[in-house]
Amino acid sequence: MTHRAAEDVDLLRRYLSGDVAAFDELMAAHEDRVFGICLRILRDRDKALDAVQETFLTVFRKADRYKAEAAFSTWLYRVAVNTCYDQLRRAKRRSADALPEGHDPVDPRGGDAFESAEVRPEIESALQSIAPEFRAAVVLVDLEGLALETAANLLGVPVGTVKSRVFRGRRLLAEHLGNLRGPPEHPMDE
């Protein structure tokens, strides 16, 4: 058990014993990662913030249902993914306005900030174009860097299903994106 996982279990135990401040510490330790997952799945900052709030309210109310079969963070991220799926299902039932362009910050892991900012709208559009189950798998594995086993636990599916969804999601993204940057430049020997 990692130090973070042990600390999470201790904080959860303290919260369930009546120490509400322990829940605040638990939330502070995970809110950035939960927000990142929600933002990448929902593609809208306000909806992601709502999903984060709903996720932590669910955990606050149902913390006693956590079983230590997996790390607390795995259970928490699964609650976040399910919350996002619920929001997507509700949004399908209502008409939605087009998303405004450029509200998300540049991804700090994207390399050159100018190049990242230039390509980001196309990537966001491509992510939006694929089915939610493929999007969630790609977000968790490729963007959040989670292991396939962890993503499988979060999504509640077998590892093979995650592999398949990531593969198909990547292929759909590649089809949607085409070749954004053109062929790689190779110096010609003369």
Protein backbone atom coordinates (compact mmCIF):
# COMPACT_ATOMS: atom_id res chain seq x y z
CA MET A 1 0.00 0.00 0.00
CA THR A 2 1.41 3.38 -0.98
CA HIS A 3 1.76 6.24 1.48
CA ARG A 4 -1.09 8.12 -0.28
CA ALA A 5 -3.36 5.06 -0.15
CA ALA A 6 -2.65 4.52 3.55
CA GLU A 7 -3.30 8.18 4.26
CA ASP A 8 -6.59 8.01 2.31
CA VAL A 9 -7.75 5.01 4.34
CA ASP A 10 -6.85 6.78 7.58
CA LEU A 11 -8.67 9.97 6.52
CA LEU A 12 -11.73 7.98 5.46
CA ARG A 13 -11.74 6.09 8.77
CA ARG A 14 -11.51 9.39 10.68
CA TYR A 15 -14.34 10.89 8.60
CA LEU A 16 -16.58 7.88 9.22
CA SER A 17 -15.84 8.31 12.94
CA GLY A 18 -17.21 11.86 12.81
CA ASP A 19 -14.16 13.98 11.89
CA VAL A 20 -15.56 16.13 9.04
CA ALA A 21 -12.21 17.93 8.66
CA ALA A 22 -10.71 14.60 7.56
CA PHE A 23 -13.09 14.58 4.59
CA ASP A 24 -11.90 18.08 3.67
CA GLU A 25 -8.31 16.79 3.64
CA LEU A 26 -9.33 13.81 1.53
CA MET A 27 -11.11 16.07 -0.93
CA ALA A 28 -8.16 18.47 -1.15
CA ALA A 29 -5.82 15.57 -1.91
CA HIS A 30 -7.88 14.39 -4.89
CA GLU A 31 -9.88 17.31 -6.25
CA ASP A 32 -7.38 18.30 -8.97
CA ARG A 33 -7.22 14.79 -10.42
CA VAL A 34 -11.01 14.38 -10.23
CA PHE A 35 -11.43 17.73 -11.99
CA GLY A 36 -8.97 16.70 -14.72
CA ILE A 37 -10.86 13.47 -15.37
CA CYS A 38 -14.22 15.23 -15.43
CA LEU A 39 -12.97 18.03 -17.68
CA ARG A 40 -11.54 15.64 -20.22
CA ILE A 41 -14.68 13.52 -20.33
CA LEU A 42 -17.23 16.35 -20.32
CA ARG A 43 -15.18 18.92 -22.34
CA ASP A 44 -16.81 21.84 -20.52
CA ARG A 45 -15.29 23.56 -17.49
CA ASP A 46 -18.60 24.43 -15.80
CA LYS A 47 -20.01 20.95 -16.31
CA ALA A 48 -16.76 19.46 -15.02
CA LEU A 49 -16.92 21.63 -11.90
CA ASP A 50 -20.51 20.48 -11.36
CA ALA A 51 -19.41 16.86 -11.80
CA VAL A 52 -16.59 17.31 -9.27
CA GLN A 53 -19.01 18.75 -6.75
CA GLU A 54 -21.52 15.97 -7.38
CA THR A 55 -18.74 13.36 -7.11
CA PHE A 56 -17.62 14.58 -3.70
CA LEU A 57 -21.22 14.91 -2.48
CA THR A 58 -21.79 11.29 -3.48
CA VAL A 59 -18.61 10.20 -1.70
CA PHE A 60 -19.59 12.29 1.35
CA ARG A 61 -22.96 10.55 1.55
CA LYS A 62 -21.82 7.05 0.59
CA ALA A 63 -18.34 6.82 2.11
CA ASP A 64 -19.46 3.93 4.28
CA ARG A 65 -19.99 1.86 1.10
CA TYR A 66 -16.30 1.95 0.19
CA LYS A 67 -14.83 -1.53 0.41
CA ALA A 68 -11.06 -1.73 0.67
CA GLU A 69 -10.88 -4.15 -2.30
CA ALA A 70 -9.17 -1.41 -4.30
CA ALA A 71 -7.46 1.86 -3.43
CA PHE A 72 -9.77 4.63 -2.27
CA SER A 73 -8.59 6.74 -5.22
CA THR A 74 -9.74 4.03 -7.65
CA TRP A 75 -13.19 4.01 -6.07
CA LEU A 76 -13.31 7.81 -6.07
CA TYR A 77 -12.30 8.08 -9.75
CA ARG A 78 -14.91 5.50 -10.64
CA VAL A 79 -17.55 7.61 -8.89
CA ALA A 80 -16.29 10.60 -10.93
CA VAL A 81 -16.48 8.71 -14.24
CA ASN A 82 -19.99 7.46 -13.42
CA THR A 83 -21.03 10.99 -12.50
CA CYS A 84 -19.76 12.21 -15.88
CA TYR A 85 -21.64 9.43 -17.67
CA ASP A 86 -24.81 10.46 -15.83
CA GLN A 87 -24.34 14.08 -16.90
CA LEU A 88 -23.77 13.02 -20.52
CA ARG A 89 -26.95 10.90 -20.46
CA ARG A 90 -28.96 13.81 -19.02
CA ALA A 91 -27.51 16.19 -21.62
CA LYS A 92 -28.59 13.87 -24.45
CA ARG A 93 -32.18 14.30 -23.31
CA ARG A 94 -31.96 18.09 -23.55
CA SER A 95 -30.97 20.25 -26.45
CA ALA A 96 -27.55 21.81 -25.97
CA ASP A 97 -25.89 24.95 -27.23
CA ALA A 98 -22.58 24.76 -29.05
CA LEU A 99 -19.52 24.83 -26.79
CA PRO A 100 -17.57 28.09 -26.84
CA GLU A 101 -14.04 27.87 -28.21
CA GLY A 102 -10.86 28.27 -26.20
CA HIS A 103 -12.05 28.21 -22.58
CA ASP A 104 -9.65 25.51 -21.45
CA PRO A 105 -6.07 26.29 -20.50
CA VAL A 106 -3.20 24.94 -22.56
CA ASP A 107 -2.18 21.45 -21.47
CA PRO A 108 1.16 21.87 -19.63
CA ARG A 109 2.17 18.37 -20.73
CA GLY A 110 1.62 19.29 -24.37
CA GLY A 111 5.17 20.44 -25.15
CA ASP A 112 5.50 23.76 -26.96
CA ALA A 113 2.71 26.04 -25.67
CA PHE A 114 2.07 27.69 -29.04
CA GLU A 115 1.93 24.40 -30.90
CA SER A 116 -0.22 22.87 -28.16
CA ALA A 117 -2.67 25.79 -28.26
CA GLU A 118 -2.88 25.51 -32.04
CA VAL A 119 -3.67 21.78 -32.06
CA ARG A 120 -5.83 21.65 -28.91
CA PRO A 121 -9.18 22.71 -30.49
CA GLU A 122 -8.89 19.95 -33.09
CA ILE A 123 -8.11 17.37 -30.41
CA GLU A 124 -11.01 18.55 -28.26
CA SER A 125 -13.32 18.36 -31.25
CA ALA A 126 -12.06 14.88 -32.07
CA LEU A 127 -12.59 13.73 -28.46
CA GLN A 128 -16.12 15.13 -28.54
CA SER A 129 -16.83 13.18 -31.74
CA ILE A 130 -16.21 9.73 -30.27
CA ALA A 131 -18.61 7.75 -28.08
CA PRO A 132 -18.37 8.41 -24.32
CA GLU A 133 -17.09 4.91 -23.50
CA PHE A 134 -14.17 5.32 -25.93
CA ARG A 135 -13.55 8.89 -24.76
CA ALA A 136 -13.43 7.84 -21.10
CA ALA A 137 -10.97 5.02 -21.85
CA VAL A 138 -8.68 7.30 -23.90
CA VAL A 139 -8.86 10.06 -21.28
CA LEU A 140 -8.01 7.75 -18.39
CA VAL A 141 -5.22 5.80 -20.13
CA ASP A 142 -3.67 8.31 -22.55
CA LEU A 143 -4.35 11.69 -20.95
CA GLU A 144 -4.41 10.81 -17.26
CA GLY A 145 -1.73 8.14 -17.60
CA LEU A 146 -3.55 5.50 -15.57
CA ALA A 147 -2.63 1.84 -15.92
CA LEU A 148 -5.03 -0.34 -17.91
CA GLU A 149 -5.94 -2.27 -14.75
CA THR A 150 -6.77 0.93 -12.88
CA ALA A 151 -8.85 2.25 -15.79
CA ALA A 152 -10.67 -1.10 -15.93
CA ASN A 153 -11.52 -0.82 -12.21
CA LEU A 154 -12.71 2.75 -12.65
CA LEU A 155 -14.89 1.90 -15.62
CA GLY A 156 -16.15 -1.37 -14.16
CA VAL A 157 -15.12 -3.41 -17.19
CA PRO A 158 -12.46 -6.07 -17.88
CA VAL A 159 -8.93 -5.00 -18.84
CA GLY A 160 -9.45 -6.43 -22.34
CA THR A 161 -12.45 -4.15 -22.83
CA VAL A 162 -10.36 -1.12 -21.83
CA LYS A 163 -7.63 -2.16 -24.28
CA SER A 164 -10.23 -2.51 -27.01
CA ARG A 165 -11.86 0.84 -26.19
CA VAL A 166 -8.50 2.63 -26.11
CA PHE A 167 -7.51 1.05 -29.43
CA ARG A 168 -10.81 1.90 -31.08
CA GLY A 169 -10.86 5.37 -29.51
CA ARG A 170 -7.36 6.11 -30.80
CA ARG A 171 -8.31 4.87 -34.25
CA LEU A 172 -11.46 7.04 -34.30
CA LEU A 173 -9.44 10.05 -33.12
CA ALA A 174 -6.85 9.45 -35.85
CA GLU A 175 -9.60 9.22 -38.47
CA HIS A 176 -11.18 12.42 -37.20
CA LEU A 177 -7.88 14.31 -36.93
CA GLY A 178 -6.33 13.12 -40.16
CA ASN A 179 -2.74 14.29 -40.44
CA LEU A 180 -2.75 17.63 -38.59
CA ARG A 181 0.93 18.32 -38.85
CA GLY A 182 1.69 16.94 -42.28
CA PRO A 183 4.53 14.56 -42.99
CA PRO A 184 7.56 14.72 -40.71
CA GLU A 185 10.35 16.84 -42.05
CA HIS A 186 13.49 14.91 -42.91
CA PRO A 187 16.63 16.66 -44.09
CA MET A 188 17.52 15.45 -47.54
CA ASP A 189 21.01 14.18 -48.12
CA GLU A 190 22.54 15.62 -51.24
